[in-house]
Structures are given as structure tokens and as C-alpha cells.
Amino acid sequence: MNREYAEQFSERWVILSAKHGYIDPDFIIPENYNVTFKNLKTSPVTTSILVQQIKDQDLVRYPIVIGLGGKEYRKRIQESFKSYDINVKFPFAVPGLRMGETMSRIKKAIAQGNMEME
């Protein structure tokens, strides 16, 4: 659902991987891994690496970044973009909303062509 949303509403989109950082959708992940932002013992990618990737991948050229995903991913996106003059939005981050309800809202936004529908 997130992929469909990104393809419909964005010029370019990336995936945030806890191990690899910001990656293009066609990036081939070379191996299975069990890394998560929820558990620092799994050694997730650092904010400083994410900040550098934003620069290296020229993500700074976009005035708005739309983030989809859970609380820990939103936190990393916010932290990594805060030093850039970029408007970061999380249109489906509603406190207390369960995953299924979030997906339902994203599906509705896609169907109605409204990227920030709640």
C-alpha cells in the first residue's frame, strides 16, 4: 500500500531500511537481516549516516518529504532531515491509530487521489 501511495504521489521515493538507510526501491538487499530501530543492540544505521545519504542522494532538492511508517521510522526521518530546510510531513500519523486503520486511510487516499487524506 505504501509503495502504491509513493508511486502515485511522488516524483521520487525511497525506502528507509534500518540496516542500509535510505535506499531506492530497486535496491537489491544482499542478505537477510534482523535490524530494527526499536532495538539499538541490533546496530541500526545511525542518524549521521542518514543525514549524509540525504545529501549524497540529492534528497535535499525536494521541498517536502512525506513519511509513511511507524513511530520509530518517523523519528529517524525527522532526525535525519531536521538540519535541512525541508518540510517533513506524516499525513497518516494519528496517535492511537492501528496499522490496519492506517492502511485503510492510505488506500482511500490513493483511490480518491488525495495525498493527505485522513
N, C-alpha and C. Protein backbone atom coordinates (compact mmCIF):
# COMPACT_ATOMS: atom_id res chain seq x y z
N MET A 1 0.82 -1.18 0.00
CA MET A 1 0.00 0.00 0.00
C MET A 1 0.87 1.26 0.00
N ASN A 2 1.93 1.25 0.82
CA ASN A 2 2.83 2.41 0.87
C ASN A 2 3.52 2.63 -0.47
N ARG A 3 3.89 1.55 -1.13
CA ARG A 3 4.54 1.66 -2.44
C ARG A 3 3.58 2.29 -3.45
N GLU A 4 2.36 1.81 -3.46
CA GLU A 4 1.37 2.35 -4.38
C GLU A 4 1.15 3.84 -4.13
N TYR A 5 1.06 4.21 -2.86
CA TYR A 5 0.90 5.61 -2.49
C TYR A 5 2.10 6.43 -3.01
N ALA A 6 3.29 5.95 -2.74
CA ALA A 6 4.51 6.67 -3.16
C ALA A 6 4.57 6.82 -4.67
N GLU A 7 4.24 5.76 -5.39
CA GLU A 7 4.29 5.83 -6.85
C GLU A 7 3.25 6.79 -7.41
N GLN A 8 2.11 6.89 -6.76
CA GLN A 8 1.06 7.78 -7.25
C GLN A 8 1.35 9.25 -6.96
N PHE A 9 1.92 9.54 -5.80
CA PHE A 9 2.01 10.92 -5.36
C PHE A 9 3.41 11.53 -5.37
N SER A 10 4.41 10.81 -5.79
CA SER A 10 5.75 11.39 -5.70
C SER A 10 6.53 11.29 -7.00
N GLU A 11 7.43 12.22 -7.15
CA GLU A 11 8.36 12.23 -8.27
C GLU A 11 9.45 11.19 -8.04
N ARG A 12 9.86 11.08 -6.79
CA ARG A 12 10.89 10.12 -6.40
C ARG A 12 10.59 9.66 -4.99
N TRP A 13 10.88 8.41 -4.73
CA TRP A 13 10.67 7.90 -3.38
C TRP A 13 11.76 6.91 -3.02
N VAL A 14 11.99 6.80 -1.74
CA VAL A 14 13.00 5.89 -1.21
C VAL A 14 12.40 5.11 -0.05
N ILE A 15 13.08 4.06 0.31
CA ILE A 15 12.69 3.21 1.44
C ILE A 15 13.71 3.46 2.55
N LEU A 16 13.24 3.52 3.78
CA LEU A 16 14.16 3.61 4.91
C LEU A 16 14.35 2.22 5.49
N SER A 17 15.54 1.71 5.34
CA SER A 17 15.93 0.41 5.89
C SER A 17 16.72 0.65 7.17
N ALA A 18 16.39 -0.07 8.21
CA ALA A 18 17.11 0.09 9.47
C ALA A 18 18.58 -0.32 9.33
N LYS A 19 18.88 -1.17 8.38
CA LYS A 19 20.28 -1.60 8.18
C LYS A 19 21.01 -0.74 7.14
N HIS A 20 20.34 -0.45 6.03
CA HIS A 20 21.01 0.21 4.90
C HIS A 20 20.72 1.70 4.78
N GLY A 21 19.76 2.19 5.54
CA GLY A 21 19.41 3.61 5.44
C GLY A 21 18.45 3.87 4.29
N TYR A 22 18.57 5.04 3.67
CA TYR A 22 17.69 5.40 2.57
C TYR A 22 18.15 4.67 1.31
N ILE A 23 17.26 3.84 0.78
CA ILE A 23 17.59 3.05 -0.41
C ILE A 23 16.52 3.24 -1.48
N ASP A 24 16.93 3.13 -2.72
CA ASP A 24 15.99 3.19 -3.84
C ASP A 24 15.15 1.91 -3.86
N PRO A 25 13.94 2.00 -4.41
CA PRO A 25 13.06 0.82 -4.44
C PRO A 25 13.62 -0.38 -5.20
N ASP A 26 14.53 -0.14 -6.12
CA ASP A 26 15.11 -1.26 -6.89
C ASP A 26 16.41 -1.79 -6.29
N PHE A 27 16.79 -1.27 -5.12
CA PHE A 27 17.99 -1.74 -4.43
C PHE A 27 17.82 -3.21 -4.05
N ILE A 28 18.78 -4.03 -4.41
CA ILE A 28 18.75 -5.44 -4.07
C ILE A 28 19.43 -5.63 -2.71
N ILE A 29 18.66 -6.09 -1.74
CA ILE A 29 19.22 -6.34 -0.42
C ILE A 29 19.99 -7.65 -0.50
N PRO A 30 21.30 -7.61 -0.24
CA PRO A 30 22.15 -8.77 -0.49
C PRO A 30 21.94 -9.97 0.44
N GLU A 31 21.33 -9.74 1.61
CA GLU A 31 21.18 -10.84 2.55
C GLU A 31 20.02 -10.54 3.49
N ASN A 32 19.52 -11.56 4.14
CA ASN A 32 18.52 -11.35 5.18
C ASN A 32 19.19 -10.66 6.36
N TYR A 33 18.41 -9.87 7.07
CA TYR A 33 18.97 -9.23 8.26
C TYR A 33 17.86 -8.99 9.27
N ASN A 34 18.26 -8.85 10.51
CA ASN A 34 17.32 -8.61 11.60
C ASN A 34 17.78 -7.37 12.36
N VAL A 35 17.59 -6.22 11.74
CA VAL A 35 18.00 -4.95 12.33
C VAL A 35 16.75 -4.09 12.44
N THR A 36 16.60 -3.44 13.58
CA THR A 36 15.42 -2.61 13.80
C THR A 36 15.80 -1.34 14.57
N PHE A 37 15.07 -0.27 14.32
CA PHE A 37 15.28 0.96 15.07
C PHE A 37 14.77 0.82 16.50
N LYS A 38 13.91 -0.14 16.75
CA LYS A 38 13.35 -0.33 18.09
C LYS A 38 14.35 -0.92 19.06
N ASN A 39 15.39 -1.59 18.55
CA ASN A 39 16.37 -2.24 19.41
C ASN A 39 17.77 -1.81 18.97
N LEU A 40 18.37 -0.90 19.71
CA LEU A 40 19.69 -0.38 19.33
C LEU A 40 20.77 -1.46 19.36
N LYS A 41 20.54 -2.55 20.08
CA LYS A 41 21.51 -3.65 20.10
C LYS A 41 21.66 -4.32 18.75
N THR A 42 20.69 -4.12 17.84
CA THR A 42 20.78 -4.70 16.50
C THR A 42 21.62 -3.83 15.56
N SER A 43 22.14 -2.72 16.07
CA SER A 43 23.01 -1.79 15.33
C SER A 43 22.35 -1.19 14.08
N PRO A 44 21.24 -0.48 14.27
CA PRO A 44 20.63 0.17 13.10
C PRO A 44 21.52 1.30 12.58
N VAL A 45 21.28 1.69 11.36
CA VAL A 45 22.02 2.77 10.73
C VAL A 45 21.88 4.03 11.59
N THR A 46 22.94 4.81 11.67
CA THR A 46 22.95 5.99 12.53
C THR A 46 22.33 7.20 11.82
N THR A 47 21.91 8.15 12.62
CA THR A 47 21.35 9.38 12.07
C THR A 47 22.38 10.10 11.21
N SER A 48 23.64 10.10 11.63
CA SER A 48 24.67 10.80 10.84
C SER A 48 24.83 10.18 9.45
N ILE A 49 24.70 8.88 9.36
CA ILE A 49 24.76 8.22 8.03
C ILE A 49 23.53 8.61 7.22
N LEU A 50 22.37 8.65 7.85
CA LEU A 50 21.15 9.04 7.14
C LEU A 50 21.26 10.47 6.62
N VAL A 51 21.80 11.37 7.43
CA VAL A 51 22.00 12.76 7.01
C VAL A 51 22.91 12.82 5.79
N GLN A 52 23.97 12.05 5.81
CA GLN A 52 24.89 12.02 4.66
C GLN A 52 24.22 11.43 3.42
N GLN A 53 23.42 10.39 3.61
CA GLN A 53 22.71 9.79 2.47
C GLN A 53 21.73 10.78 1.83
N ILE A 54 21.08 11.59 2.65
CA ILE A 54 20.17 12.60 2.13
C ILE A 54 20.92 13.52 1.17
N LYS A 55 22.10 13.92 1.58
CA LYS A 55 22.94 14.79 0.74
C LYS A 55 23.44 14.03 -0.49
N ASP A 56 23.99 12.84 -0.29
CA ASP A 56 24.56 12.06 -1.39
C ASP A 56 23.53 11.69 -2.46
N GLN A 57 22.30 11.44 -2.03
CA GLN A 57 21.24 11.03 -2.96
C GLN A 57 20.43 12.22 -3.47
N ASP A 58 20.88 13.41 -3.13
CA ASP A 58 20.24 14.66 -3.56
C ASP A 58 18.77 14.73 -3.16
N LEU A 59 18.45 14.18 -1.99
CA LEU A 59 17.09 14.27 -1.48
C LEU A 59 16.78 15.68 -0.97
N VAL A 60 17.83 16.50 -0.84
CA VAL A 60 17.65 17.88 -0.38
C VAL A 60 16.97 18.75 -1.43
N ARG A 61 16.86 18.28 -2.64
CA ARG A 61 16.25 19.10 -3.69
C ARG A 61 14.73 19.13 -3.60
N TYR A 62 14.15 18.30 -2.75
CA TYR A 62 12.70 18.25 -2.61
C TYR A 62 12.26 19.10 -1.42
N PRO A 63 11.33 20.03 -1.64
CA PRO A 63 10.91 20.92 -0.55
C PRO A 63 10.02 20.23 0.49
N ILE A 64 9.40 19.11 0.10
CA ILE A 64 8.52 18.38 1.00
C ILE A 64 8.89 16.91 0.98
N VAL A 65 8.93 16.31 2.16
CA VAL A 65 9.15 14.87 2.29
C VAL A 65 7.93 14.31 3.02
N ILE A 66 7.34 13.30 2.44
CA ILE A 66 6.21 12.61 3.06
C ILE A 66 6.75 11.30 3.64
N GLY A 67 6.53 11.10 4.92
CA GLY A 67 6.98 9.88 5.58
C GLY A 67 5.81 8.97 5.89
N LEU A 68 5.98 7.71 5.59
CA LEU A 68 5.00 6.68 5.93
C LEU A 68 5.72 5.66 6.79
N GLY A 69 5.02 5.11 7.73
CA GLY A 69 5.65 4.10 8.58
C GLY A 69 5.39 4.36 10.05
N GLY A 70 5.90 3.47 10.85
CA GLY A 70 5.69 3.53 12.29
C GLY A 70 6.47 4.61 13.00
N LYS A 71 6.22 4.68 14.29
CA LYS A 71 6.78 5.73 15.14
C LYS A 71 8.30 5.80 15.08
N GLU A 72 8.97 4.67 15.16
CA GLU A 72 10.44 4.68 15.15
C GLU A 72 11.00 5.16 13.81
N TYR A 73 10.32 4.81 12.72
CA TYR A 73 10.77 5.28 11.41
C TYR A 73 10.51 6.77 11.26
N ARG A 74 9.36 7.24 11.74
CA ARG A 74 9.08 8.67 11.70
C ARG A 74 10.14 9.44 12.47
N LYS A 75 10.51 8.92 13.63
CA LYS A 75 11.54 9.58 14.45
C LYS A 75 12.85 9.70 13.68
N ARG A 76 13.27 8.64 13.02
CA ARG A 76 14.54 8.67 12.25
C ARG A 76 14.46 9.62 11.06
N ILE A 77 13.31 9.64 10.40
CA ILE A 77 13.14 10.55 9.27
C ILE A 77 13.24 11.99 9.77
N GLN A 78 12.52 12.32 10.85
CA GLN A 78 12.56 13.67 11.40
C GLN A 78 13.98 14.06 11.80
N GLU A 79 14.66 13.18 12.51
CA GLU A 79 16.02 13.48 12.96
C GLU A 79 16.97 13.71 11.79
N SER A 80 16.85 12.89 10.77
CA SER A 80 17.80 12.99 9.66
C SER A 80 17.55 14.19 8.74
N PHE A 81 16.32 14.68 8.69
CA PHE A 81 16.01 15.82 7.82
C PHE A 81 16.01 17.16 8.57
N LYS A 82 16.15 17.15 9.89
CA LYS A 82 15.99 18.39 10.65
C LYS A 82 17.05 19.45 10.35
N SER A 83 18.21 19.07 9.87
CA SER A 83 19.24 20.07 9.57
C SER A 83 19.07 20.66 8.16
N TYR A 84 18.08 20.18 7.43
CA TYR A 84 17.81 20.70 6.08
C TYR A 84 16.51 21.50 6.11
N ASP A 85 16.40 22.45 5.22
CA ASP A 85 15.18 23.28 5.14
C ASP A 85 14.14 22.56 4.28
N ILE A 86 13.61 21.49 4.85
CA ILE A 86 12.66 20.64 4.14
C ILE A 86 11.46 20.41 5.05
N ASN A 87 10.28 20.54 4.47
CA ASN A 87 9.04 20.31 5.21
C ASN A 87 8.78 18.80 5.25
N VAL A 88 8.86 18.21 6.42
CA VAL A 88 8.64 16.77 6.58
C VAL A 88 7.24 16.56 7.14
N LYS A 89 6.44 15.76 6.43
CA LYS A 89 5.06 15.52 6.82
C LYS A 89 4.81 14.03 7.00
N PHE A 90 3.91 13.73 7.92
CA PHE A 90 3.47 12.36 8.17
C PHE A 90 1.94 12.37 8.18
N PRO A 91 1.32 12.38 7.00
CA PRO A 91 -0.13 12.59 6.92
C PRO A 91 -0.99 11.52 7.58
N PHE A 92 -0.43 10.37 7.82
CA PHE A 92 -1.23 9.28 8.40
C PHE A 92 -0.79 8.92 9.81
N ALA A 93 0.02 9.77 10.42
CA ALA A 93 0.49 9.53 11.79
C ALA A 93 -0.53 10.09 12.77
N VAL A 94 -1.49 9.28 13.10
CA VAL A 94 -2.55 9.67 14.02
C VAL A 94 -2.37 8.86 15.30
N PRO A 95 -2.17 9.53 16.44
CA PRO A 95 -1.98 8.78 17.69
C PRO A 95 -3.13 7.79 17.94
N GLY A 96 -2.75 6.59 18.30
CA GLY A 96 -3.72 5.56 18.62
C GLY A 96 -4.28 4.81 17.43
N LEU A 97 -3.94 5.22 16.22
CA LEU A 97 -4.44 4.55 15.03
C LEU A 97 -3.68 3.25 14.81
N ARG A 98 -4.40 2.17 14.66
CA ARG A 98 -3.76 0.88 14.43
C ARG A 98 -3.33 0.73 12.97
N MET A 99 -2.44 -0.22 12.73
CA MET A 99 -1.87 -0.43 11.40
C MET A 99 -2.96 -0.62 10.34
N GLY A 100 -3.93 -1.45 10.62
CA GLY A 100 -5.00 -1.70 9.65
C GLY A 100 -5.77 -0.44 9.32
N GLU A 101 -6.01 0.39 10.31
CA GLU A 101 -6.73 1.65 10.09
C GLU A 101 -5.89 2.62 9.26
N THR A 102 -4.60 2.62 9.54
CA THR A 102 -3.69 3.47 8.76
C THR A 102 -3.69 3.03 7.30
N MET A 103 -3.57 1.74 7.06
CA MET A 103 -3.57 1.22 5.70
C MET A 103 -4.88 1.55 4.98
N SER A 104 -5.97 1.49 5.72
CA SER A 104 -7.27 1.83 5.15
C SER A 104 -7.31 3.29 4.71
N ARG A 105 -6.75 4.17 5.50
CA ARG A 105 -6.69 5.59 5.14
C ARG A 105 -5.80 5.83 3.93
N ILE A 106 -4.68 5.11 3.87
CA ILE A 106 -3.79 5.25 2.72
C ILE A 106 -4.48 4.75 1.46
N LYS A 107 -5.16 3.65 1.57
CA LYS A 107 -5.90 3.08 0.43
C LYS A 107 -6.96 4.07 -0.06
N LYS A 108 -7.66 4.70 0.85
CA LYS A 108 -8.68 5.69 0.50
C LYS A 108 -8.05 6.90 -0.18
N ALA A 109 -6.91 7.35 0.33
CA ALA A 109 -6.21 8.50 -0.28
C ALA A 109 -5.81 8.18 -1.71
N ILE A 110 -5.32 6.97 -1.94
CA ILE A 110 -4.94 6.54 -3.29
C ILE A 110 -6.16 6.56 -4.20
N ALA A 111 -7.25 5.96 -3.74
CA ALA A 111 -8.47 5.84 -4.54
C ALA A 111 -9.04 7.23 -4.89
N GLN A 112 -8.93 8.17 -3.97
CA GLN A 112 -9.51 9.48 -4.20
C GLN A 112 -8.50 10.50 -4.73
N GLY A 113 -7.25 10.09 -4.88
CA GLY A 113 -6.23 10.98 -5.42
C GLY A 113 -5.90 12.15 -4.52
N ASN A 114 -6.03 11.95 -3.21
CA ASN A 114 -5.78 13.00 -2.24
C ASN A 114 -4.66 12.55 -1.32
N MET A 115 -3.48 13.06 -1.51
CA MET A 115 -2.30 12.55 -0.82
C MET A 115 -2.29 12.76 0.70
N GLU A 116 -3.07 13.67 1.23
CA GLU A 116 -3.04 13.92 2.66
C GLU A 116 -4.37 13.63 3.33
N MET A 117 -5.16 12.82 2.72
CA MET A 117 -6.47 12.48 3.30
C MET A 117 -6.29 11.76 4.62
N GLU A 118 -7.10 12.13 5.58
CA GLU A 118 -7.06 11.46 6.89
C GLU A 118 -8.34 10.70 7.11
